[in-house]
Amino acid sequence: MKSIIVWFRQDLRLSDNPALAHGAKSGLPIVCLYVLDDETPGDWKMGDASQWWLHHSLAALDASLRKKGGGVTLRRGNAAKIIKALMRETGADSIAWNRCYEPFAVARDAALKTELTEQGIAVTTCNGSLLAEPWEITTQSGTPFKVYTPFWKALRARPEPDAPLRTPAKINFHADVKSDALKDWTLLPAKPDWSKGFDWTPGEKAAHDALHDFLGHIGGYGTARDIPGVDGTSRLSPHLHFGEISPRQVWHAVRDHNHTQGADKFLGEIGWREFNHQLLFHHPHLPNSAYDERFAKMKWRQSDKDFTAWTHGQTGVPIVDAGMRQLWQTGWMHNRVRMIVASFLIKHLLIDWRKGQRWFWDTLVDADLPNNAANWQWVAGSGADAAPFFRIFNPVLQGQKFDPTGTYVRRFVPELASLPDKFIHRPWEATVPPADYPTPIVDLAVGRDRALAAFRALPRR
């Protein structure tokens, strides 16, 4: 009997999974395949923190499939070669997958689809990751949007997203397909185990639990999302990246639960994710070169010492150091603080945004190529609809505004825990500055002036 391969990628879930639904509806025996494709050419192999998440997410997916009578088949290597070999091995004459939008994935998948189709294989590809495909939302002239607000208005003007698909009631699994052992992929850290502080539970159930918990306080999201010392954000970003929950599921859960300003603000963040995906799709160079070509001539500083101090949370600027330590300890950083630490690196230290982007890529559990690239370029002033380069966050004022009592700083920079509130963001001004905390590696006013001088030297538009 013929069979069908359902190729899991960034869609590690059973519910609202169009490719899986298609496979189940066919009635054919299904091979649920995940390929760790670390042979595909490209600069953006999965970072260490993402590998940690992937291990646990695949374990959760396999457990869910086993409850249905099957499991996930793991293979490592070149995805195209593995899929063609698996088709010969299982007699599969059809395959389904949900689309990915990273440049290397688009190229790989297009070539594979063409080759398989020419061989008479039925190839079904679906949208399982976005509310709208990157080519569906355009300006009146038919070009991609360059500014978020009109993009968001155009997306909102469309009919409501389709209702999420239910988990297939019955899945006919293909029997006796060999699989790699997940532990043999060595995705988890060993010595040292830097993941001990990770307080995450990957997997589809955990994703929906996180959404349920967030809905309980979504009304205050508009304000709470900027306060790093409180639990005011959804923390759904890694679940969305790995596809443990779909944006359609999030959208309908939010709309059904709450129509407050906080809910609308949060849905706008889902829209920002969509905007970033269409940016990368239409501008595949986004992670490696400036969207605004003027910034190709920016005179960046080369300072390994300053960059290392930034990565280690030893800059002497408390809110920056707290953010960088939160990232290392938990694999995640509060969004407001992400903007602060990025601005500090790019502008006060005048270090190339691509170095920061690469560090985030390796250390974030929610490392996502379109979001990472677009957001770093947003801070750098070189992206689409970006903040102007001359808008430079003062990290001291940002800390005083969004962490006024130092709750966040005291948690991640314990050397400062005993300081009074008035000095928590300016420890160098304390009567007795903490002896075990560094003085700032840059004078903020000097760094700001240096950044503005470099910006003024760029060509005019």
Protein backbone atom coordinates (compact mmCIF):
# COMPACT_ATOMS: atom_id res chain seq x y z
CA MET A 1 0.00 0.00 0.00
CA LYS A 2 1.23 3.49 -0.81
CA SER A 3 1.93 5.95 1.99
CA ILE A 4 2.39 9.66 2.60
CA ILE A 5 5.16 11.54 4.34
CA VAL A 6 4.20 14.48 6.53
CA TRP A 7 7.36 16.52 6.94
CA PHE A 8 7.35 18.42 10.24
CA ARG A 9 9.49 21.56 10.41
CA GLN A 10 8.49 24.70 12.35
CA ASP A 11 5.09 23.19 13.10
CA LEU A 12 5.70 20.80 15.99
CA ARG A 13 2.05 20.32 16.91
CA LEU A 14 -0.96 18.17 16.08
CA SER A 15 -3.74 20.76 16.16
CA ASP A 16 -4.17 23.37 13.40
CA ASN A 17 -1.52 21.61 11.37
CA PRO A 18 -2.68 21.74 7.72
CA ALA A 19 -0.04 19.31 6.45
CA LEU A 20 -0.90 16.72 9.10
CA ALA A 21 -4.62 17.27 8.50
CA HIS A 22 -4.07 16.63 4.78
CA GLY A 23 -2.16 13.44 5.52
CA ALA A 24 -4.80 12.17 7.92
CA LYS A 25 -7.60 12.96 5.47
CA SER A 26 -5.88 10.95 2.74
CA GLY A 27 -6.32 7.77 4.77
CA LEU A 28 -2.86 6.64 3.71
CA PRO A 29 -0.32 5.36 6.23
CA ILE A 30 1.61 8.41 7.43
CA VAL A 31 5.31 8.73 8.11
CA CYS A 32 5.67 11.68 10.50
CA LEU A 33 9.16 12.89 9.62
CA TYR A 34 11.45 15.47 11.19
CA VAL A 35 14.82 16.13 9.55
CA LEU A 36 17.62 17.92 11.34
CA ASP A 37 18.93 19.45 8.13
CA ASP A 38 22.34 20.72 9.15
CA GLU A 39 23.83 20.11 5.72
CA THR A 40 21.80 22.68 3.81
CA PRO A 41 24.06 25.59 2.79
CA GLY A 42 23.47 28.75 4.74
CA ASP A 43 24.85 31.01 7.44
CA TRP A 44 22.15 30.39 10.00
CA LYS A 45 22.46 26.93 11.48
CA MET A 46 20.33 26.50 14.58
CA GLY A 47 21.92 28.08 17.66
CA ASP A 48 22.66 26.27 20.90
CA ALA A 49 19.67 27.59 22.85
CA SER A 50 17.33 26.72 19.96
CA GLN A 51 18.76 23.20 19.88
CA TRP A 52 17.90 22.85 23.57
CA TRP A 53 14.31 23.82 22.81
CA LEU A 54 14.14 21.58 19.74
CA HIS A 55 15.17 18.53 21.76
CA HIS A 56 12.38 18.98 24.25
CA SER A 57 9.82 20.00 21.63
CA LEU A 58 10.51 16.90 19.54
CA ALA A 59 10.20 14.74 22.65
CA ALA A 60 6.80 16.33 23.36
CA LEU A 61 5.67 15.86 19.73
CA ASP A 62 6.71 12.22 19.80
CA ALA A 63 4.79 11.66 23.02
CA SER A 64 1.66 13.21 21.49
CA LEU A 65 1.97 11.04 18.37
CA ARG A 66 2.50 7.92 20.48
CA LYS A 67 -0.79 8.57 22.23
CA LYS A 68 -2.31 8.38 18.74
CA GLY A 69 -0.51 5.11 18.02
CA GLY A 70 2.51 6.40 16.13
CA GLY A 71 5.59 8.52 16.70
CA VAL A 72 7.98 10.88 14.99
CA THR A 73 10.63 9.54 12.63
CA LEU A 74 13.92 11.38 13.13
CA ARG A 75 16.59 11.62 10.46
CA ARG A 76 19.65 13.86 10.30
CA GLY A 77 21.34 15.18 7.17
CA ASN A 78 20.44 16.71 3.84
CA ALA A 79 16.64 16.94 3.83
CA ALA A 80 16.18 16.41 0.10
CA LYS A 81 18.35 13.29 0.06
CA ILE A 82 16.69 11.88 3.17
CA ILE A 83 13.18 12.43 1.85
CA LYS A 84 13.93 10.77 -1.48
CA ALA A 85 15.54 7.80 0.28
CA LEU A 86 12.61 7.51 2.70
CA MET A 87 10.16 7.47 -0.18
CA ARG A 88 11.97 4.50 -1.67
CA GLU A 89 12.10 2.85 1.74
CA THR A 90 8.40 3.25 2.54
CA GLY A 91 6.80 3.29 -0.90
CA ALA A 92 5.47 6.80 -0.31
CA ASP A 93 4.18 8.50 -3.43
CA SER A 94 3.04 11.75 -1.78
CA ILE A 95 4.35 14.25 0.73
CA ALA A 96 2.93 17.24 2.58
CA TRP A 97 4.62 20.03 4.49
CA ASN A 98 3.88 23.47 5.90
CA ARG A 99 5.91 26.21 4.31
CA CYS A 100 8.96 27.91 5.85
CA TYR A 101 10.09 31.37 4.77
CA GLU A 102 13.80 31.62 5.50
CA PRO A 103 15.75 32.15 2.25
CA PHE A 104 17.61 28.83 2.40
CA ALA A 105 14.38 26.96 3.16
CA VAL A 106 12.51 28.64 0.31
CA ALA A 107 15.25 27.68 -2.16
CA ARG A 108 15.57 24.12 -0.85
CA ASP A 109 11.85 23.47 -0.77
CA ALA A 110 11.22 24.91 -4.24
CA ALA A 111 13.92 22.73 -5.77
CA LEU A 112 12.68 19.63 -3.94
CA LYS A 113 9.05 20.24 -4.93
CA THR A 114 10.01 20.63 -8.57
CA GLU A 115 12.10 17.46 -8.57
CA LEU A 116 9.50 15.35 -6.80
CA THR A 117 6.65 16.63 -8.98
CA GLU A 118 8.59 15.76 -12.12
CA GLN A 119 8.94 12.23 -10.74
CA GLY A 120 5.17 11.93 -10.32
CA ILE A 121 5.16 12.48 -6.56
CA ALA A 122 2.16 14.40 -5.22
CA VAL A 123 3.49 17.38 -3.26
CA THR A 124 1.14 19.39 -1.04
CA THR A 125 2.43 22.51 0.69
CA CYS A 126 0.38 24.53 3.17
CA ASN A 127 0.45 27.69 5.24
CA GLY A 128 0.79 26.63 8.85
CA SER A 129 2.86 29.50 10.23
CA LEU A 130 1.30 32.83 9.26
CA LEU A 131 -2.05 34.59 9.14
CA ALA A 132 -1.32 35.55 5.53
CA GLU A 133 1.33 34.47 3.06
CA PRO A 134 4.11 37.04 2.46
CA TRP A 135 2.92 37.62 -1.10
CA GLU A 136 -0.74 38.14 -0.20
CA ILE A 137 -0.53 41.54 1.51
CA THR A 138 0.57 44.24 -0.93
CA THR A 139 0.18 47.95 -1.53
CA GLN A 140 -2.33 49.21 -4.09
CA SER A 141 0.47 49.15 -6.66
CA GLY A 142 1.12 45.49 -5.92
CA THR A 143 4.45 45.96 -4.14
CA PRO A 144 5.39 44.70 -0.65
CA PHE A 145 4.80 47.07 2.24
CA LYS A 146 7.81 48.90 3.66
CA VAL A 147 5.95 50.46 6.61
CA TYR A 148 4.26 48.46 9.33
CA THR A 149 1.14 50.54 10.05
CA PRO A 150 -0.38 50.36 6.55
CA PHE A 151 0.62 46.69 6.39
CA TRP A 152 -1.25 46.04 9.64
CA LYS A 153 -4.29 47.96 8.40
CA ALA A 154 -4.31 45.92 5.19
CA LEU A 155 -4.04 42.69 7.17
CA ARG A 156 -6.85 43.73 9.50
CA ALA A 157 -9.02 44.65 6.51
CA ARG A 158 -9.00 41.03 5.36
CA PRO A 159 -11.62 38.58 6.61
CA GLU A 160 -10.91 37.03 9.98
CA PRO A 161 -8.36 34.20 9.80
CA ASP A 162 -9.88 30.77 9.26
CA ALA A 163 -10.82 28.87 12.38
CA PRO A 164 -8.00 26.60 13.58
CA LEU A 165 -8.09 22.96 12.52
CA ARG A 166 -8.75 20.35 15.18
CA THR A 167 -6.31 17.56 15.92
CA PRO A 168 -7.12 14.70 13.53
CA ALA A 169 -9.37 12.22 15.30
CA LYS A 170 -7.64 9.29 13.59
CA ILE A 171 -4.17 9.01 12.11
CA ASN A 172 -3.16 5.92 10.17
CA PHE A 173 0.54 5.54 10.90
CA HIS A 174 3.07 3.70 8.76
CA ALA A 175 4.62 0.90 10.80
CA ASP A 176 8.25 -0.08 11.21
CA VAL A 177 10.08 3.01 9.98
CA LYS A 178 13.57 3.35 11.39
CA SER A 179 14.29 6.49 13.39
CA ASP A 180 17.36 8.09 14.90
CA ALA A 181 17.40 8.25 18.69
CA LEU A 182 16.84 11.83 19.81
CA LYS A 183 19.55 11.58 22.46
CA ASP A 184 22.10 10.69 19.78
CA TRP A 185 21.65 14.13 18.23
CA THR A 186 23.28 15.63 21.36
CA LEU A 187 21.21 18.79 21.18
CA LEU A 188 21.43 19.36 24.93
CA PRO A 189 24.40 20.99 26.68
CA ALA A 190 26.61 18.70 28.74
CA LYS A 191 29.62 20.22 30.45
CA PRO A 192 28.92 22.88 31.40
CA ASP A 193 25.12 22.64 31.44
CA TRP A 194 24.28 26.29 30.79
CA SER A 195 20.55 25.51 30.61
CA LYS A 196 20.07 24.97 34.36
CA GLY A 197 18.34 28.35 34.70
CA PHE A 198 15.91 27.78 31.84
CA ASP A 199 12.37 27.91 33.22
CA TRP A 200 10.62 26.76 30.04
CA THR A 201 8.46 23.79 29.16
CA PRO A 202 8.52 23.26 25.39
CA GLY A 203 5.72 21.47 23.59
CA GLU A 204 2.19 21.97 22.28
CA LYS A 205 0.43 21.57 25.63
CA ALA A 206 2.79 24.00 27.32
CA ALA A 207 2.19 26.51 24.52
CA HIS A 208 -1.56 26.45 25.08
CA ASP A 209 -1.07 26.59 28.85
CA ALA A 210 1.08 29.71 28.38
CA LEU A 211 -1.58 31.30 26.19
CA HIS A 212 -4.29 30.48 28.74
CA ASP A 213 -2.25 32.02 31.55
CA PHE A 214 -1.55 35.14 29.50
CA LEU A 215 -5.21 35.65 28.64
CA GLY A 216 -5.88 36.02 32.34
CA HIS A 217 -4.02 39.35 32.41
CA ILE A 218 -4.04 40.44 28.79
CA GLY A 219 -6.13 43.50 29.61
CA GLY A 220 -3.09 45.16 31.17
CA TYR A 221 -0.70 44.14 28.40
CA GLY A 222 -0.46 47.60 26.87
CA THR A 223 1.34 48.90 29.97
CA ALA A 224 2.73 45.77 31.61
CA ARG A 225 4.61 44.66 28.49
CA ASP A 226 7.16 47.45 29.06
CA ILE A 227 7.91 46.58 32.70
CA PRO A 228 10.63 43.91 32.82
CA GLY A 229 10.22 43.35 36.56
CA VAL A 230 6.67 41.97 36.18
CA ASP A 231 5.24 39.02 34.28
CA GLY A 232 3.44 41.16 31.71
CA THR A 233 4.26 39.51 28.39
CA SER A 234 2.95 36.33 26.78
CA ARG A 235 6.29 34.45 26.51
CA LEU A 236 4.80 32.76 23.45
CA SER A 237 7.64 33.64 21.09
CA PRO A 238 9.53 30.31 21.22
CA HIS A 239 6.27 28.36 21.00
CA LEU A 240 5.32 30.35 17.90
CA HIS A 241 8.74 29.96 16.32
CA PHE A 242 8.76 26.19 16.69
CA GLY A 243 5.12 26.01 15.69
CA GLU A 244 3.87 24.45 18.91
CA ILE A 245 0.99 26.87 18.57
CA SER A 246 -0.18 28.66 15.44
CA PRO A 247 -0.90 32.38 15.00
CA ARG A 248 -4.46 31.44 14.01
CA GLN A 249 -4.93 29.70 17.34
CA VAL A 250 -3.52 32.71 19.18
CA TRP A 251 -5.62 35.14 17.17
CA HIS A 252 -8.93 33.38 17.78
CA ALA A 253 -8.19 32.72 21.45
CA VAL A 254 -7.47 36.41 22.01
CA ARG A 255 -10.47 37.64 20.00
CA ASP A 256 -12.82 35.20 21.73
CA HIS A 257 -11.53 36.12 25.17
CA ASN A 258 -10.98 39.83 25.25
CA HIS A 259 -11.52 42.93 23.12
CA THR A 260 -9.68 45.36 25.38
CA GLN A 261 -7.01 47.76 24.28
CA GLY A 262 -4.42 45.37 25.71
CA ALA A 263 -5.73 42.57 23.49
CA ASP A 264 -5.57 44.79 20.41
CA LYS A 265 -2.02 45.82 21.33
CA PHE A 266 -0.99 42.19 21.62
CA LEU A 267 -2.55 41.28 18.27
CA GLY A 268 -0.50 44.12 16.82
CA GLU A 269 2.60 42.23 17.95
CA ILE A 270 1.35 39.19 16.02
CA GLY A 271 1.01 41.59 13.10
CA TRP A 272 4.61 42.76 13.59
CA ARG A 273 5.71 39.13 13.36
CA GLU A 274 3.83 38.86 10.06
CA PHE A 275 5.44 42.07 8.81
CA ASN A 276 8.91 40.77 9.62
CA HIS A 277 8.24 37.51 7.78
CA GLN A 278 7.15 39.29 4.63
CA LEU A 279 10.20 41.57 4.88
CA LEU A 280 12.58 38.63 4.93
CA PHE A 281 10.71 36.83 2.17
CA HIS A 282 11.00 39.81 -0.18
CA HIS A 283 14.47 40.86 1.05
CA PRO A 284 16.42 37.65 1.69
CA HIS A 285 19.62 39.63 2.35
CA LEU A 286 18.07 41.13 5.51
CA PRO A 287 20.13 39.15 8.09
CA ASN A 288 23.43 39.96 6.40
CA SER A 289 23.22 43.46 4.98
CA ALA A 290 21.42 46.71 5.71
CA TYR A 291 17.98 47.21 4.20
CA ASP A 292 18.88 50.90 3.92
CA GLU A 293 21.96 50.72 1.70
CA ARG A 294 23.42 53.92 3.15
CA PHE A 295 24.38 51.96 6.25
CA ALA A 296 26.78 49.82 4.23
CA LYS A 297 29.18 52.75 4.66
CA MET A 298 28.78 53.02 8.43
CA LYS A 299 32.17 53.11 10.16
CA TRP A 300 31.68 50.55 12.92
CA ARG A 301 34.18 50.14 15.77
CA GLN A 302 36.08 46.90 16.20
CA SER A 303 36.38 46.24 19.93
CA ASP A 304 36.41 42.64 21.12
CA LYS A 305 36.86 43.89 24.68
CA ASP A 306 33.67 45.98 24.62
CA PHE A 307 31.70 43.28 22.81
CA THR A 308 32.74 40.67 25.36
CA ALA A 309 31.76 42.97 28.23
CA TRP A 310 28.35 43.37 26.57
CA THR A 311 27.82 39.62 26.08
CA HIS A 312 28.85 38.88 29.68
CA GLY A 313 26.68 41.59 31.24
CA GLN A 314 29.72 43.50 32.51
CA THR A 315 29.24 46.91 30.87
CA GLY A 316 28.72 48.80 34.14
CA VAL A 317 25.26 49.92 32.99
CA PRO A 318 22.75 48.04 35.18
CA ILE A 319 19.74 47.64 32.88
CA VAL A 320 22.01 46.50 30.04
CA ASP A 321 23.84 44.01 32.24
CA ALA A 322 20.59 42.69 33.71
CA GLY A 323 19.25 42.02 30.22
CA MET A 324 22.37 40.26 29.01
CA ARG A 325 22.50 38.09 32.13
CA GLN A 326 18.81 37.25 31.83
CA LEU A 327 19.52 36.12 28.27
CA TRP A 328 22.39 33.86 29.32
CA GLN A 329 20.63 32.45 32.36
CA THR A 330 17.15 31.88 30.89
CA GLY A 331 17.56 31.82 27.10
CA TRP A 332 15.22 34.78 26.77
CA MET A 333 15.13 38.52 27.35
CA HIS A 334 12.29 40.93 27.99
CA ASN A 335 11.35 42.78 24.80
CA ARG A 336 11.79 46.31 26.18
CA VAL A 337 15.24 45.33 27.43
CA ARG A 338 16.12 43.80 24.06
CA MET A 339 15.72 47.25 22.53
CA ILE A 340 17.82 48.84 25.28
CA VAL A 341 20.73 46.40 25.03
CA ALA A 342 20.68 46.52 21.23
CA SER A 343 20.71 50.31 21.19
CA PHE A 344 23.60 50.34 23.67
CA LEU A 345 25.68 47.97 21.53
CA ILE A 346 24.94 49.66 18.21
CA LYS A 347 25.03 53.28 19.27
CA HIS A 348 26.88 53.82 22.53
CA LEU A 349 29.52 51.23 21.61
CA LEU A 350 29.18 51.72 17.83
CA ILE A 351 29.51 47.99 17.20
CA ASP A 352 27.97 46.42 14.10
CA TRP A 353 24.39 45.27 14.67
CA ARG A 354 25.18 41.98 12.92
CA LYS A 355 27.44 40.94 15.81
CA GLY A 356 24.59 41.44 18.26
CA GLN A 357 22.17 39.66 15.97
CA ARG A 358 24.50 36.66 15.82
CA TRP A 359 24.82 36.55 19.63
CA PHE A 360 21.06 36.60 20.02
CA TRP A 361 20.76 33.87 17.40
CA ASP A 362 22.91 31.53 19.48
CA THR A 363 21.54 32.36 22.93
CA LEU A 364 17.78 32.89 22.45
CA VAL A 365 15.36 29.99 22.68
CA ASP A 366 13.06 32.03 20.44
CA ALA A 367 15.74 32.83 17.84
CA ASP A 368 13.74 33.45 14.68
CA LEU A 369 15.48 34.66 11.54
CA PRO A 370 12.90 37.21 10.28
CA ASN A 371 12.22 38.63 13.73
CA ASN A 372 15.87 38.70 14.75
CA ALA A 373 17.07 40.39 11.57
CA ALA A 374 14.22 42.89 11.26
CA ASN A 375 14.29 43.90 14.91
CA TRP A 376 18.06 44.41 15.04
CA GLN A 377 17.83 46.52 11.91
CA TRP A 378 14.91 48.43 13.42
CA VAL A 379 17.07 49.46 16.37
CA ALA A 380 20.03 50.19 14.08
CA GLY A 381 17.94 52.56 11.97
CA SER A 382 18.85 50.63 8.84
CA GLY A 383 15.70 48.54 8.46
CA ALA A 384 12.26 48.98 6.97
CA ASP A 385 10.07 51.33 9.03
CA ALA A 386 12.98 51.57 11.48
CA ALA A 387 13.48 53.88 14.41
CA PRO A 388 15.79 56.71 13.26
CA PHE A 389 19.42 56.09 14.09
CA PHE A 390 19.56 59.38 15.96
CA ARG A 391 16.92 58.11 18.39
CA ILE A 392 19.33 56.76 20.98
CA PHE A 393 17.99 55.17 24.14
CA ASN A 394 19.59 56.48 27.30
CA PRO A 395 19.84 53.21 29.26
CA VAL A 396 19.87 54.99 32.62
CA LEU A 397 16.65 56.86 31.88
CA GLN A 398 15.10 53.72 30.40
CA GLY A 399 15.93 51.83 33.58
CA GLN A 400 14.51 54.58 35.79
CA LYS A 401 11.31 54.71 33.74
CA PHE A 402 10.59 51.02 33.31
CA ASP A 403 12.32 49.51 36.37
CA PRO A 404 12.04 52.39 38.86
CA THR A 405 12.60 50.34 42.02
CA GLY A 406 15.20 48.10 40.38
CA THR A 407 13.19 44.89 40.71
CA TYR A 408 14.57 43.56 37.43
CA VAL A 409 18.13 44.77 37.97
CA ARG A 410 18.30 43.40 41.52
CA ARG A 411 17.25 39.96 40.27
CA PHE A 412 19.90 39.63 37.58
CA VAL A 413 22.66 41.88 38.96
CA PRO A 414 22.76 40.80 42.61
CA GLU A 415 25.92 42.85 43.21
CA LEU A 416 23.62 45.91 43.22
CA ALA A 417 20.80 44.45 45.31
CA SER A 418 21.60 46.48 48.43
CA LEU A 419 21.71 49.87 46.68
CA PRO A 420 18.93 52.39 47.34
CA ASP A 421 16.47 52.94 44.48
CA LYS A 422 18.01 56.33 43.67
CA PHE A 423 21.34 54.68 42.80
CA ILE A 424 20.20 51.36 41.34
CA HIS A 425 20.59 52.64 37.78
CA ARG A 426 23.54 54.92 38.59
CA PRO A 427 25.70 52.86 40.95
CA TRP A 428 28.78 54.93 40.15
CA GLU A 429 27.12 57.89 41.89
CA ALA A 430 26.58 56.01 45.16
CA THR A 431 28.56 57.23 48.18
CA VAL A 432 30.28 53.85 48.22
CA PRO A 433 29.97 52.25 44.76
CA PRO A 434 29.82 48.44 44.82
CA ALA A 435 33.38 47.15 44.67
CA ASP A 436 32.48 44.02 42.69
CA TYR A 437 30.60 45.83 39.89
CA PRO A 438 32.44 47.49 36.97
CA THR A 439 32.35 51.17 36.16
CA PRO A 440 30.69 51.94 32.80
CA ILE A 441 32.82 50.93 29.82
CA VAL A 442 31.70 54.04 27.96
CA ASP A 443 30.65 57.54 28.94
CA LEU A 444 27.07 57.65 27.68
CA ALA A 445 27.31 61.23 26.42
CA VAL A 446 30.58 60.52 24.62
CA GLY A 447 29.17 57.35 23.08
CA ARG A 448 26.07 59.17 21.92
CA ASP A 449 28.06 61.95 20.28
CA ARG A 450 30.34 59.42 18.57
CA ALA A 451 27.34 57.56 17.16
CA LEU A 452 25.71 60.73 15.85
CA ALA A 453 28.97 61.78 14.18
CA ALA A 454 29.19 58.40 12.43
CA PHE A 455 25.58 58.72 11.30
CA ARG A 456 26.11 62.25 9.95
CA ALA A 457 28.99 60.94 7.85
CA LEU A 458 26.65 58.60 5.92
CA PRO A 459 25.43 59.57 2.44
CA ARG A 460 22.15 61.47 2.34
CA ARG A 461 19.08 59.79 0.99
